[in-house]
Amino acid sequence: MISYSNPLFSIIVFLLIIAITIIITNFLGSLKEKNRIKHLKEFIDKFEFLNDKEIKTVLKDEVSINALFLLAMAFEKEGNYEKSLNIYLAILENVNKNEKFDVLQKVAKVYFQAGFLHKSREALLEILRSKPRNKDALKLLLIVDDKLKNYDEMENIIEIFEELEVDVEKEKCYILFKKALFEMDKIKLKKIYKKYPCLKRSYISFLIYNNPKEIFDEIDEDDVYEMIDIFYNYDSLPAKNSALIQIKAAKKEIKTTIKSPVFELEVLKHLPNGLADLEFEYICQNCKHIYPIYDERCPNCKELFSFKVEAIISKNNLKYRESYN
């Protein structure tokens, strides 16, 4: 019999502790994996989709699944979200656990595109339950929460991105501004704008509806041309700088012999009153998509503050266009 004082006894106890630790760790890991799979299955079961017999017939091997995946992407691209989701969710039940999250991310994206924001959010949270540092899922969740005005949740996501050393300066100042705007805290809004110049247009837009007289103390000539759509559609502009004078002259409110650096304004100055007017388009400098309405976040690439204004002289079918550079 081994004595308690025998060194061999200490070694045996030590090895026994290691063995028990390994067994417990493996058991807990297995239990965690089972719970993860259970949660994923419960999540999938929550969503209704058509049990298309043709899809189930095709789902036989990896080649068939890849073919269906491409088909789902094609439906997604053409905007047929119902058929796309039908296929993605069918695939989700027939791929291994490592591939499930890639498909689930597609499901989240299609739900977002279709306007089902809460379902998209559920799918993204399911991904992040197992992969909390998935950057693509976090980015889409940030945009979904923006649509839902979940600004506190957005701040939590920003903190994760900062831990991952991702540049989210624009997102950070955007959230601060939106929260201050929601609270209608005018002092905080001005402080945030002064710290983050990329918010200038957002702040000017806020002033138009709340304190329009202050606008002209915050802008210079370049600002006027950069936001020409705002000032062209603003009534009773003061002639505080040459850019504002040029807009007033184009609208036939005053006369000036000084030539405008903006082609569209110069043309309007020389056309008979009422013959033509200005319209505006907004071009994303990141993805080059064009939109008829300004948005702080590009609907296509989701980039913040990327729109550039383009003025268009319009009269029936007559259009002259040139960007202000």
C-alpha atoms as a PDB file:
ATOM      1  CA  MET A   1       0.000   0.000   0.000  1.00  0.00           C
ATOM      2  CA  ILE A   2       1.281   3.474  -0.972  1.00  0.00           C
ATOM      3  CA  SER A   3       1.783   5.889   1.897  1.00  0.00           C
ATOM      4  CA  TYR A   4       0.372   9.428   1.707  1.00  0.00           C
ATOM      5  CA  SER A   5       3.902  10.722   2.209  1.00  0.00           C
ATOM      6  CA  ASN A   6       5.201   8.714  -0.731  1.00  0.00           C
ATOM      7  CA  PRO A   7       6.076  10.995  -3.729  1.00  0.00           C
ATOM      8  CA  LEU A   8       4.464   8.421  -6.032  1.00  0.00           C
ATOM      9  CA  PHE A   9       1.113   9.090  -4.337  1.00  0.00           C
ATOM     10  CA  SER A  10       1.377  12.816  -5.125  1.00  0.00           C
ATOM     11  CA  ILE A  11       2.130  12.030  -8.777  1.00  0.00           C
ATOM     12  CA  ILE A  12      -0.872   9.675  -8.994  1.00  0.00           C
ATOM     13  CA  VAL A  13      -3.176  12.315  -7.451  1.00  0.00           C
ATOM     14  CA  PHE A  14      -1.813  14.935  -9.839  1.00  0.00           C
ATOM     15  CA  LEU A  15      -2.394  12.710 -12.867  1.00  0.00           C
ATOM     16  CA  LEU A  16      -5.858  11.839 -11.587  1.00  0.00           C
ATOM     17  CA  ILE A  17      -6.734  15.548 -11.293  1.00  0.00           C
ATOM     18  CA  ILE A  18      -5.523  16.148 -14.858  1.00  0.00           C
ATOM     19  CA  ALA A  19      -7.572  13.190 -16.137  1.00  0.00           C
ATOM     20  CA  ILE A  20     -10.722  14.406 -14.343  1.00  0.00           C
ATOM     21  CA  THR A  21     -10.161  17.959 -15.680  1.00  0.00           C
ATOM     22  CA  ILE A  22      -9.838  16.637 -19.246  1.00  0.00           C
ATOM     23  CA  ILE A  23     -12.999  14.534 -18.885  1.00  0.00           C
ATOM     24  CA  ILE A  24     -14.985  17.472 -17.455  1.00  0.00           C
ATOM     25  CA  THR A  25     -13.672  19.854 -20.139  1.00  0.00           C
ATOM     26  CA  ASN A  26     -14.578  17.426 -22.939  1.00  0.00           C
ATOM     27  CA  PHE A  27     -18.007  16.847 -21.414  1.00  0.00           C
ATOM     28  CA  LEU A  28     -18.715  20.582 -21.104  1.00  0.00           C
ATOM     29  CA  GLY A  29     -17.438  21.191 -24.651  1.00  0.00           C
ATOM     30  CA  SER A  30     -19.688  18.424 -25.969  1.00  0.00           C
ATOM     31  CA  LEU A  31     -22.641  19.799 -24.007  1.00  0.00           C
ATOM     32  CA  LYS A  32     -21.982  23.302 -25.319  1.00  0.00           C
ATOM     33  CA  GLU A  33     -21.811  22.008 -28.897  1.00  0.00           C
ATOM     34  CA  LYS A  34     -25.095  20.115 -28.465  1.00  0.00           C
ATOM     35  CA  ASN A  35     -26.753  23.235 -27.069  1.00  0.00           C
ATOM     36  CA  ARG A  36     -25.405  25.299 -29.946  1.00  0.00           C
ATOM     37  CA  ILE A  37     -26.775  22.845 -32.507  1.00  0.00           C
ATOM     38  CA  LYS A  38     -30.070  22.694 -30.619  1.00  0.00           C
ATOM     39  CA  HIS A  39     -30.374  26.509 -30.628  1.00  0.00           C
ATOM     40  CA  LEU A  40     -29.578  26.602 -34.343  1.00  0.00           C
ATOM     41  CA  LYS A  41     -32.200  23.963 -35.131  1.00  0.00           C
ATOM     42  CA  GLU A  42     -34.797  25.768 -33.012  1.00  0.00           C
ATOM     43  CA  PHE A  43     -33.952  28.970 -34.871  1.00  0.00           C
ATOM     44  CA  ILE A  44     -34.384  27.309 -38.269  1.00  0.00           C
ATOM     45  CA  ASP A  45     -37.683  25.739 -37.198  1.00  0.00           C
ATOM     46  CA  LYS A  46     -39.062  29.175 -36.282  1.00  0.00           C
ATOM     47  CA  PHE A  47     -39.113  30.278 -39.908  1.00  0.00           C
ATOM     48  CA  GLU A  48     -41.774  29.035 -42.268  1.00  0.00           C
ATOM     49  CA  PHE A  49     -40.815  28.209 -45.821  1.00  0.00           C
ATOM     50  CA  LEU A  50     -42.286  26.146 -48.608  1.00  0.00           C
ATOM     51  CA  ASN A  51     -41.417  22.434 -48.470  1.00  0.00           C
ATOM     52  CA  ASP A  52     -40.749  22.363 -52.181  1.00  0.00           C
ATOM     53  CA  LYS A  53     -40.523  18.705 -53.253  1.00  0.00           C
ATOM     54  CA  GLU A  54     -38.262  19.594 -56.172  1.00  0.00           C
ATOM     55  CA  ILE A  55     -35.739  21.241 -53.836  1.00  0.00           C
ATOM     56  CA  LYS A  56     -35.728  18.240 -51.499  1.00  0.00           C
ATOM     57  CA  THR A  57     -35.225  15.936 -54.483  1.00  0.00           C
ATOM     58  CA  VAL A  58     -32.208  17.919 -55.642  1.00  0.00           C
ATOM     59  CA  LEU A  59     -30.605  18.070 -52.172  1.00  0.00           C
ATOM     60  CA  LYS A  60     -28.585  14.873 -52.543  1.00  0.00           C
ATOM     61  CA  ASP A  61     -24.906  15.795 -52.626  1.00  0.00           C
ATOM     62  CA  GLU A  62     -22.475  18.689 -52.428  1.00  0.00           C
ATOM     63  CA  VAL A  63     -22.640  19.415 -56.158  1.00  0.00           C
ATOM     64  CA  SER A  64     -26.425  19.683 -56.029  1.00  0.00           C
ATOM     65  CA  ILE A  65     -26.271  21.929 -52.958  1.00  0.00           C
ATOM     66  CA  ASN A  66     -23.785  24.243 -54.701  1.00  0.00           C
ATOM     67  CA  ALA A  67     -26.088  24.426 -57.720  1.00  0.00           C
ATOM     68  CA  LEU A  68     -29.026  25.354 -55.497  1.00  0.00           C
ATOM     69  CA  PHE A  69     -26.869  27.917 -53.709  1.00  0.00           C
ATOM     70  CA  LEU A  70     -26.150  29.627 -57.034  1.00  0.00           C
ATOM     71  CA  LEU A  71     -29.845  29.505 -57.892  1.00  0.00           C
ATOM     72  CA  ALA A  72     -30.721  31.138 -54.563  1.00  0.00           C
ATOM     73  CA  MET A  73     -28.168  33.876 -55.244  1.00  0.00           C
ATOM     74  CA  ALA A  74     -29.716  34.460 -58.680  1.00  0.00           C
ATOM     75  CA  PHE A  75     -33.206  34.810 -57.159  1.00  0.00           C
ATOM     76  CA  GLU A  76     -31.747  37.168 -54.537  1.00  0.00           C
ATOM     77  CA  LYS A  77     -30.110  39.334 -57.202  1.00  0.00           C
ATOM     78  CA  GLU A  78     -33.330  39.718 -59.183  1.00  0.00           C
ATOM     79  CA  GLY A  79     -35.279  40.589 -56.015  1.00  0.00           C
ATOM     80  CA  ASN A  80     -37.273  37.372 -55.707  1.00  0.00           C
ATOM     81  CA  TYR A  81     -36.620  37.098 -51.978  1.00  0.00           C
ATOM     82  CA  GLU A  82     -39.312  34.503 -51.248  1.00  0.00           C
ATOM     83  CA  LYS A  83     -37.803  31.914 -53.594  1.00  0.00           C
ATOM     84  CA  SER A  84     -34.289  32.820 -52.485  1.00  0.00           C
ATOM     85  CA  LEU A  85     -35.161  32.309 -48.800  1.00  0.00           C
ATOM     86  CA  ASN A  86     -36.974  29.078 -49.627  1.00  0.00           C
ATOM     87  CA  ILE A  87     -33.792  27.624 -51.121  1.00  0.00           C
ATOM     88  CA  TYR A  88     -31.372  29.028 -48.523  1.00  0.00           C
ATOM     89  CA  LEU A  89     -33.431  27.632 -45.645  1.00  0.00           C
ATOM     90  CA  ALA A  90     -33.691  24.239 -47.353  1.00  0.00           C
ATOM     91  CA  ILE A  91     -29.905  24.225 -47.841  1.00  0.00           C
ATOM     92  CA  LEU A  92     -29.441  25.222 -44.192  1.00  0.00           C
ATOM     93  CA  GLU A  93     -30.905  21.898 -43.077  1.00  0.00           C
ATOM     94  CA  ASN A  94     -28.610  19.888 -45.351  1.00  0.00           C
ATOM     95  CA  VAL A  95     -25.106  21.272 -44.802  1.00  0.00           C
ATOM     96  CA  ASN A  96     -22.569  20.533 -42.082  1.00  0.00           C
ATOM     97  CA  LYS A  97     -22.218  22.729 -39.011  1.00  0.00           C
ATOM     98  CA  ASN A  98     -19.207  24.638 -40.406  1.00  0.00           C
ATOM     99  CA  GLU A  99     -21.180  25.714 -43.486  1.00  0.00           C
ATOM    100  CA  LYS A 100     -24.426  26.520 -41.687  1.00  0.00           C
ATOM    101  CA  PHE A 101     -23.267  29.951 -40.547  1.00  0.00           C
ATOM    102  CA  ASP A 102     -22.302  31.033 -44.072  1.00  0.00           C
ATOM    103  CA  VAL A 103     -25.790  30.104 -45.283  1.00  0.00           C
ATOM    104  CA  LEU A 104     -27.383  31.685 -42.220  1.00  0.00           C
ATOM    105  CA  GLN A 105     -25.584  34.928 -43.053  1.00  0.00           C
ATOM    106  CA  LYS A 106     -27.162  34.799 -46.515  1.00  0.00           C
ATOM    107  CA  VAL A 107     -30.553  34.292 -44.875  1.00  0.00           C
ATOM    108  CA  ALA A 108     -29.976  37.356 -42.658  1.00  0.00           C
ATOM    109  CA  LYS A 109     -29.000  39.455 -45.683  1.00  0.00           C
ATOM    110  CA  VAL A 110     -32.072  38.432 -47.707  1.00  0.00           C
ATOM    111  CA  TYR A 111     -34.391  39.145 -44.770  1.00  0.00           C
ATOM    112  CA  PHE A 112     -32.767  42.582 -44.511  1.00  0.00           C
ATOM    113  CA  GLN A 113     -33.194  43.259 -48.235  1.00  0.00           C
ATOM    114  CA  ALA A 114     -36.819  42.148 -48.044  1.00  0.00           C
ATOM    115  CA  GLY A 115     -37.443  44.551 -45.150  1.00  0.00           C
ATOM    116  CA  PHE A 116     -37.894  41.931 -42.410  1.00  0.00           C
ATOM    117  CA  LEU A 117     -35.499  43.671 -40.036  1.00  0.00           C
ATOM    118  CA  HIS A 118     -36.373  41.779 -36.863  1.00  0.00           C
ATOM    119  CA  LYS A 119     -35.980  38.392 -38.599  1.00  0.00           C
ATOM    120  CA  SER A 120     -32.668  39.540 -40.038  1.00  0.00           C
ATOM    121  CA  ARG A 121     -31.558  40.593 -36.565  1.00  0.00           C
ATOM    122  CA  GLU A 122     -32.517  37.195 -35.116  1.00  0.00           C
ATOM    123  CA  ALA A 123     -30.447  35.418 -37.763  1.00  0.00           C
ATOM    124  CA  LEU A 124     -27.434  37.650 -37.110  1.00  0.00           C
ATOM    125  CA  LEU A 125     -27.641  37.155 -33.345  1.00  0.00           C
ATOM    126  CA  GLU A 126     -27.765  33.399 -33.932  1.00  0.00           C
ATOM    127  CA  ILE A 127     -24.512  33.652 -35.883  1.00  0.00           C
ATOM    128  CA  LEU A 128     -22.893  35.832 -33.231  1.00  0.00           C
ATOM    129  CA  ARG A 129     -23.938  33.422 -30.494  1.00  0.00           C
ATOM    130  CA  SER A 130     -21.270  31.051 -31.796  1.00  0.00           C
ATOM    131  CA  LYS A 131     -19.027  33.490 -33.671  1.00  0.00           C
ATOM    132  CA  PRO A 132     -19.056  36.745 -31.667  1.00  0.00           C
ATOM    133  CA  ARG A 133     -16.244  38.285 -33.733  1.00  0.00           C
ATOM    134  CA  ASN A 134     -17.740  37.668 -37.176  1.00  0.00           C
ATOM    135  CA  LYS A 135     -17.106  41.069 -38.807  1.00  0.00           C
ATOM    136  CA  ASP A 136     -19.613  40.619 -41.653  1.00  0.00           C
ATOM    137  CA  ALA A 137     -22.400  39.682 -39.248  1.00  0.00           C
ATOM    138  CA  LEU A 138     -21.498  42.568 -36.939  1.00  0.00           C
ATOM    139  CA  LYS A 139     -21.492  45.054 -39.813  1.00  0.00           C
ATOM    140  CA  LEU A 140     -24.926  43.972 -41.041  1.00  0.00           C
ATOM    141  CA  LEU A 141     -26.270  43.969 -37.468  1.00  0.00           C
ATOM    142  CA  LEU A 142     -25.003  47.545 -37.102  1.00  0.00           C
ATOM    143  CA  ILE A 143     -27.007  48.569 -40.183  1.00  0.00           C
ATOM    144  CA  VAL A 144     -30.106  46.664 -39.052  1.00  0.00           C
ATOM    145  CA  ASP A 145     -29.948  48.346 -35.642  1.00  0.00           C
ATOM    146  CA  ASP A 146     -29.550  51.695 -37.402  1.00  0.00           C
ATOM    147  CA  LYS A 147     -32.797  51.047 -39.302  1.00  0.00           C
ATOM    148  CA  LEU A 148     -34.484  50.036 -36.038  1.00  0.00           C
ATOM    149  CA  LYS A 149     -32.981  53.051 -34.226  1.00  0.00           C
ATOM    150  CA  ASN A 150     -31.338  50.776 -31.647  1.00  0.00           C
ATOM    151  CA  TYR A 151     -28.565  53.282 -30.922  1.00  0.00           C
ATOM    152  CA  ASP A 152     -27.460  51.729 -27.619  1.00  0.00           C
ATOM    153  CA  GLU A 153     -26.999  48.366 -29.334  1.00  0.00           C
ATOM    154  CA  MET A 154     -25.066  50.105 -32.100  1.00  0.00           C
ATOM    155  CA  GLU A 155     -22.663  51.539 -29.531  1.00  0.00           C
ATOM    156  CA  ASN A 156     -22.043  48.007 -28.195  1.00  0.00           C
ATOM    157  CA  ILE A 157     -21.180  46.823 -31.710  1.00  0.00           C
ATOM    158  CA  ILE A 158     -18.832  49.789 -32.168  1.00  0.00           C
ATOM    159  CA  GLU A 159     -16.966  48.748 -29.011  1.00  0.00           C
ATOM    160  CA  ILE A 160     -16.474  45.248 -30.445  1.00  0.00           C
ATOM    161  CA  PHE A 161     -15.158  46.709 -33.714  1.00  0.00           C
ATOM    162  CA  GLU A 162     -12.722  48.881 -31.772  1.00  0.00           C
ATOM    163  CA  GLU A 163     -11.456  45.794 -29.939  1.00  0.00           C
ATOM    164  CA  LEU A 164     -10.934  44.204 -33.362  1.00  0.00           C
ATOM    165  CA  GLU A 165      -9.008  47.354 -34.402  1.00  0.00           C
ATOM    166  CA  VAL A 166     -11.477  48.199 -37.181  1.00  0.00           C
ATOM    167  CA  ASP A 167     -11.786  51.877 -38.143  1.00  0.00           C
ATOM    168  CA  VAL A 168     -15.343  52.875 -37.198  1.00  0.00           C
ATOM    169  CA  GLU A 169     -14.828  56.611 -36.659  1.00  0.00           C
ATOM    170  CA  LYS A 170     -17.670  57.577 -39.016  1.00  0.00           C
ATOM    171  CA  GLU A 171     -20.053  55.107 -37.426  1.00  0.00           C
ATOM    172  CA  LYS A 172     -19.121  56.345 -33.966  1.00  0.00           C
ATOM    173  CA  CYS A 173     -19.781  60.022 -34.701  1.00  0.00           C
ATOM    174  CA  TYR A 174     -22.953  59.107 -36.627  1.00  0.00           C
ATOM    175  CA  ILE A 175     -24.382  57.286 -33.600  1.00  0.00           C
ATOM    176  CA  LEU A 176     -23.452  60.125 -31.228  1.00  0.00           C
ATOM    177  CA  PHE A 177     -25.184  62.607 -33.531  1.00  0.00           C
ATOM    178  CA  LYS A 178     -28.303  60.448 -33.915  1.00  0.00           C
ATOM    179  CA  LYS A 179     -28.642  59.999 -30.156  1.00  0.00           C
ATOM    180  CA  ALA A 180     -28.266  63.727 -29.549  1.00  0.00           C
ATOM    181  CA  LEU A 181     -30.771  64.387 -32.337  1.00  0.00           C
ATOM    182  CA  PHE A 182     -33.234  61.956 -30.774  1.00  0.00           C
ATOM    183  CA  GLU A 183     -32.842  63.829 -27.472  1.00  0.00           C
ATOM    184  CA  MET A 184     -33.060  67.200 -29.321  1.00  0.00           C
ATOM    185  CA  ASP A 185     -30.000  68.348 -27.380  1.00  0.00           C
ATOM    186  CA  LYS A 186     -28.900  71.367 -29.475  1.00  0.00           C
ATOM    187  CA  ILE A 187     -25.778  72.072 -27.405  1.00  0.00           C
ATOM    188  CA  LYS A 188     -24.565  68.468 -27.686  1.00  0.00           C
ATOM    189  CA  LEU A 189     -25.331  68.395 -31.431  1.00  0.00           C
ATOM    190  CA  LYS A 190     -23.137  71.429 -32.028  1.00  0.00           C
ATOM    191  CA  LYS A 191     -20.276  70.011 -29.934  1.00  0.00           C
ATOM    192  CA  ILE A 192     -20.385  66.713 -31.822  1.00  0.00           C
ATOM    193  CA  TYR A 193     -20.466  68.497 -35.189  1.00  0.00           C
ATOM    194  CA  LYS A 194     -17.472  70.674 -34.217  1.00  0.00           C
ATOM    195  CA  LYS A 195     -15.513  67.561 -33.296  1.00  0.00           C
ATOM    196  CA  TYR A 196     -16.504  65.604 -36.419  1.00  0.00           C
ATOM    197  CA  PRO A 197     -16.543  67.771 -39.597  1.00  0.00           C
ATOM    198  CA  CYS A 198     -18.042  64.911 -41.658  1.00  0.00           C
ATOM    199  CA  LEU A 199     -21.330  65.723 -39.892  1.00  0.00           C
ATOM    200  CA  LYS A 200     -21.546  69.223 -41.406  1.00  0.00           C
ATOM    201  CA  ARG A 201     -24.376  68.421 -43.829  1.00  0.00           C
ATOM    202  CA  SER A 202     -26.316  66.589 -41.099  1.00  0.00           C
ATOM    203  CA  TYR A 203     -25.916  69.570 -38.795  1.00  0.00           C
ATOM    204  CA  ILE A 204     -26.882  72.111 -41.490  1.00  0.00           C
ATOM    205  CA  SER A 205     -29.982  70.027 -42.285  1.00  0.00           C
ATOM    206  CA  PHE A 206     -30.870  70.095 -38.593  1.00  0.00           C
ATOM    207  CA  LEU A 207     -30.443  73.880 -38.399  1.00  0.00           C
ATOM    208  CA  ILE A 208     -32.729  74.479 -41.383  1.00  0.00           C
ATOM    209  CA  TYR A 209     -35.690  73.185 -39.423  1.00  0.00           C
ATOM    210  CA  ASN A 210     -34.661  74.484 -36.004  1.00  0.00           C
ATOM    211  CA  ASN A 211     -32.511  77.597 -36.265  1.00  0.00           C
ATOM    212  CA  PRO A 212     -32.066  78.655 -39.921  1.00  0.00           C
ATOM    213  CA  LYS A 213     -30.462  82.014 -39.069  1.00  0.00           C
ATOM    214  CA  GLU A 214     -27.485  80.216 -37.513  1.00  0.00           C
ATOM    215  CA  ILE A 215     -26.729  78.346 -40.750  1.00  0.00           C
ATOM    216  CA  PHE A 216     -24.968  81.283 -42.380  1.00  0.00           C
ATOM    217  CA  ASP A 217     -22.567  81.643 -39.457  1.00  0.00           C
ATOM    218  CA  GLU A 218     -21.478  78.019 -39.919  1.00  0.00           C
ATOM    219  CA  ILE A 219     -20.745  77.913 -43.661  1.00  0.00           C
ATOM    220  CA  ASP A 220     -18.332  79.277 -46.253  1.00  0.00           C
ATOM    221  CA  GLU A 221     -18.530  79.403 -50.071  1.00  0.00           C
ATOM    222  CA  ASP A 222     -17.254  75.843 -50.563  1.00  0.00           C
ATOM    223  CA  ASP A 223     -19.941  74.552 -48.184  1.00  0.00           C
ATOM    224  CA  VAL A 224     -22.641  76.287 -50.228  1.00  0.00           C
ATOM    225  CA  TYR A 225     -21.487  74.660 -53.470  1.00  0.00           C
ATOM    226  CA  GLU A 226     -21.004  71.290 -51.781  1.00  0.00           C
ATOM    227  CA  MET A 227     -24.571  71.433 -50.436  1.00  0.00           C
ATOM    228  CA  ILE A 228     -26.029  73.378 -53.341  1.00  0.00           C
ATOM    229  CA  ASP A 229     -29.286  71.389 -53.242  1.00  0.00           C
ATOM    230  CA  ILE A 230     -29.998  72.580 -49.690  1.00  0.00           C
ATOM    231  CA  PHE A 231     -29.358  76.265 -50.410  1.00  0.00           C
ATOM    232  CA  TYR A 232     -30.957  76.349 -53.845  1.00  0.00           C
ATOM    233  CA  ASN A 233     -34.229  75.123 -52.331  1.00  0.00           C
ATOM    234  CA  TYR A 234     -33.990  77.518 -49.372  1.00  0.00           C
ATOM    235  CA  ASP A 235     -36.108  80.689 -49.562  1.00  0.00           C
ATOM    236  CA  SER A 236     -34.854  84.139 -48.598  1.00  0.00           C
ATOM    237  CA  LEU A 237     -31.116  83.495 -48.828  1.00  0.00           C
ATOM    238  CA  PRO A 238     -28.984  86.336 -47.456  1.00  0.00           C
ATOM    239  CA  ALA A 239     -26.289  87.619 -49.819  1.00  0.00           C
ATOM    240  CA  LYS A 240     -23.527  86.862 -47.299  1.00  0.00           C
ATOM    241  CA  ASN A 241     -20.963  85.423 -49.735  1.00  0.00           C
ATOM    242  CA  SER A 242     -20.424  85.115 -53.493  1.00  0.00           C
ATOM    243  CA  ALA A 243     -21.778  81.538 -53.607  1.00  0.00           C
ATOM    244  CA  LEU A 244     -25.093  82.613 -52.106  1.00  0.00           C
ATOM    245  CA  ILE A 245     -25.181  85.601 -54.476  1.00  0.00           C
ATOM    246  CA  GLN A 246     -24.730  83.258 -57.459  1.00  0.00           C
ATOM    247  CA  ILE A 247     -27.654  81.082 -56.311  1.00  0.00           C
ATOM    248  CA  LYS A 248     -29.874  84.121 -55.850  1.00  0.00           C
ATOM    249  CA  ALA A 249     -28.886  85.356 -59.314  1.00  0.00           C
ATOM    250  CA  ALA A 250     -29.695  81.954 -60.846  1.00  0.00           C
ATOM    251  CA  LYS A 251     -33.134  82.157 -59.227  1.00  0.00           C
ATOM    252  CA  LYS A 252     -33.604  85.664 -60.718  1.00  0.00           C
ATOM    253  CA  GLU A 253     -33.780  87.280 -57.270  1.00  0.00           C
ATOM    254  CA  ILE A 254     -30.831  89.596 -57.926  1.00  0.00           C
ATOM    255  CA  LYS A 255     -28.445  90.408 -60.791  1.00  0.00           C
ATOM    256  CA  THR A 256     -24.683  90.037 -60.870  1.00  0.00           C
ATOM    257  CA  THR A 257     -22.041  90.297 -63.571  1.00  0.00           C
ATOM    258  CA  ILE A 258     -19.608  88.059 -61.722  1.00  0.00           C
ATOM    259  CA  LYS A 259     -19.297  84.664 -63.405  1.00  0.00           C
ATOM    260  CA  SER A 260     -20.272  81.604 -61.368  1.00  0.00           C
ATOM    261  CA  PRO A 261     -17.801  78.701 -61.029  1.00  0.00           C
ATOM    262  CA  VAL A 262     -20.784  76.316 -61.269  1.00  0.00           C
ATOM    263  CA  PHE A 263     -21.871  75.713 -64.858  1.00  0.00           C
ATOM    264  CA  GLU A 264     -25.547  75.084 -64.028  1.00  0.00           C
ATOM    265  CA  LEU A 265     -25.913  78.325 -62.077  1.00  0.00           C
ATOM    266  CA  GLU A 266     -24.268  80.323 -64.849  1.00  0.00           C
ATOM    267  CA  VAL A 267     -26.628  78.822 -67.454  1.00  0.00           C
ATOM    268  CA  LEU A 268     -29.728  79.613 -65.369  1.00  0.00           C
ATOM    269  CA  LYS A 269     -28.581  83.222 -64.983  1.00  0.00           C
ATOM    270  CA  HIS A 270     -28.740  83.682 -68.782  1.00  0.00           C
ATOM    271  CA  LEU A 271     -31.960  81.787 -69.465  1.00  0.00           C
ATOM    272  CA  PRO A 272     -35.379  83.490 -69.427  1.00  0.00           C
ATOM    273  CA  ASN A 273     -37.161  83.283 -66.094  1.00  0.00           C
ATOM    274  CA  GLY A 274     -39.225  80.091 -65.711  1.00  0.00           C
ATOM    275  CA  LEU A 275     -37.679  78.325 -68.707  1.00  0.00           C
ATOM    276  CA  ALA A 276     -35.523  75.942 -66.668  1.00  0.00           C
ATOM    277  CA  ASP A 277     -34.773  74.904 -63.119  1.00  0.00           C
ATOM    278  CA  LEU A 278     -32.318  72.778 -61.147  1.00  0.00           C
ATOM    279  CA  GLU A 279     -32.839  69.183 -60.116  1.00  0.00           C
ATOM    280  CA  PHE A 280     -30.369  67.142 -58.075  1.00  0.00           C
ATOM    281  CA  GLU A 281     -28.929  63.641 -58.037  1.00  0.00           C
ATOM    282  CA  TYR A 282     -26.703  62.063 -55.419  1.00  0.00           C
ATOM    283  CA  ILE A 283     -23.726  59.924 -56.409  1.00  0.00           C
ATOM    284  CA  CYS A 284     -22.035  57.615 -53.922  1.00  0.00           C
ATOM    285  CA  GLN A 285     -18.294  58.225 -54.159  1.00  0.00           C
ATOM    286  CA  ASN A 286     -17.662  54.695 -52.913  1.00  0.00           C
ATOM    287  CA  CYS A 287     -19.824  52.504 -55.192  1.00  0.00           C
ATOM    288  CA  LYS A 288     -20.852  55.119 -57.835  1.00  0.00           C
ATOM    289  CA  HIS A 289     -24.574  54.346 -57.540  1.00  0.00           C
ATOM    290  CA  ILE A 290     -26.908  57.293 -58.220  1.00  0.00           C
ATOM    291  CA  TYR A 291     -29.993  58.147 -56.154  1.00  0.00           C
ATOM    292  CA  PRO A 292     -32.684  60.851 -56.406  1.00  0.00           C
ATOM    293  CA  ILE A 293     -32.779  61.480 -52.638  1.00  0.00           C
ATOM    294  CA  TYR A 294     -29.956  62.234 -50.217  1.00  0.00           C
ATOM    295  CA  ASP A 295     -29.181  59.718 -47.500  1.00  0.00           C
ATOM    296  CA  GLU A 296     -26.430  59.717 -44.898  1.00  0.00           C
ATOM    297  CA  ARG A 297     -25.792  56.026 -45.578  1.00  0.00           C
ATOM    298  CA  CYS A 298     -25.585  54.746 -49.148  1.00  0.00           C
ATOM    299  CA  PRO A 299     -28.405  52.188 -49.679  1.00  0.00           C
ATOM    300  CA  ASN A 300     -26.128  50.040 -51.835  1.00  0.00           C
ATOM    301  CA  CYS A 301     -22.686  49.879 -50.177  1.00  0.00           C
ATOM    302  CA  LYS A 302     -23.795  51.209 -46.728  1.00  0.00           C
ATOM    303  CA  GLU A 303     -20.946  53.731 -46.635  1.00  0.00           C
ATOM    304  CA  LEU A 304     -21.617  56.807 -44.496  1.00  0.00           C
ATOM    305  CA  PHE A 305     -21.442  60.400 -45.814  1.00  0.00           C
ATOM    306  CA  SER A 306     -20.384  59.256 -49.279  1.00  0.00           C
ATOM    307  CA  PHE A 307     -22.954  61.134 -51.407  1.00  0.00           C
ATOM    308  CA  LYS A 308     -21.871  63.937 -53.719  1.00  0.00           C
ATOM    309  CA  VAL A 309     -24.491  66.324 -55.102  1.00  0.00           C
ATOM    310  CA  GLU A 310     -24.833  66.680 -58.861  1.00  0.00           C
ATOM    311  CA  ALA A 311     -26.939  69.529 -60.251  1.00  0.00           C
ATOM    312  CA  ILE A 312     -28.996  69.021 -63.414  1.00  0.00           C
ATOM    313  CA  ILE A 313     -30.613  71.760 -65.486  1.00  0.00           C
ATOM    314  CA  SER A 314     -34.013  70.451 -66.498  1.00  0.00           C
ATOM    315  CA  LYS A 315     -36.709  71.615 -68.848  1.00  0.00           C
ATOM    316  CA  ASN A 316     -38.927  68.896 -70.267  1.00  0.00           C
ATOM    317  CA  ASN A 317     -36.468  66.557 -72.083  1.00  0.00           C
ATOM    318  CA  LEU A 318     -33.601  69.088 -72.078  1.00  0.00           C
ATOM    319  CA  LYS A 319     -30.880  68.281 -69.546  1.00  0.00           C
ATOM    320  CA  TYR A 320     -27.384  69.619 -69.097  1.00  0.00           C
ATOM    321  CA  ARG A 321     -25.305  68.072 -66.381  1.00  0.00           C
ATOM    322  CA  GLU A 322     -21.971  68.719 -64.770  1.00  0.00           C
ATOM    323  CA  SER A 323     -20.708  67.930 -61.282  1.00  0.00           C
ATOM    324  CA  TYR A 324     -19.260  70.647 -59.133  1.00  0.00           C
ATOM    325  CA  ASN A 325     -15.679  69.686 -58.296  1.00  0.00           C
END
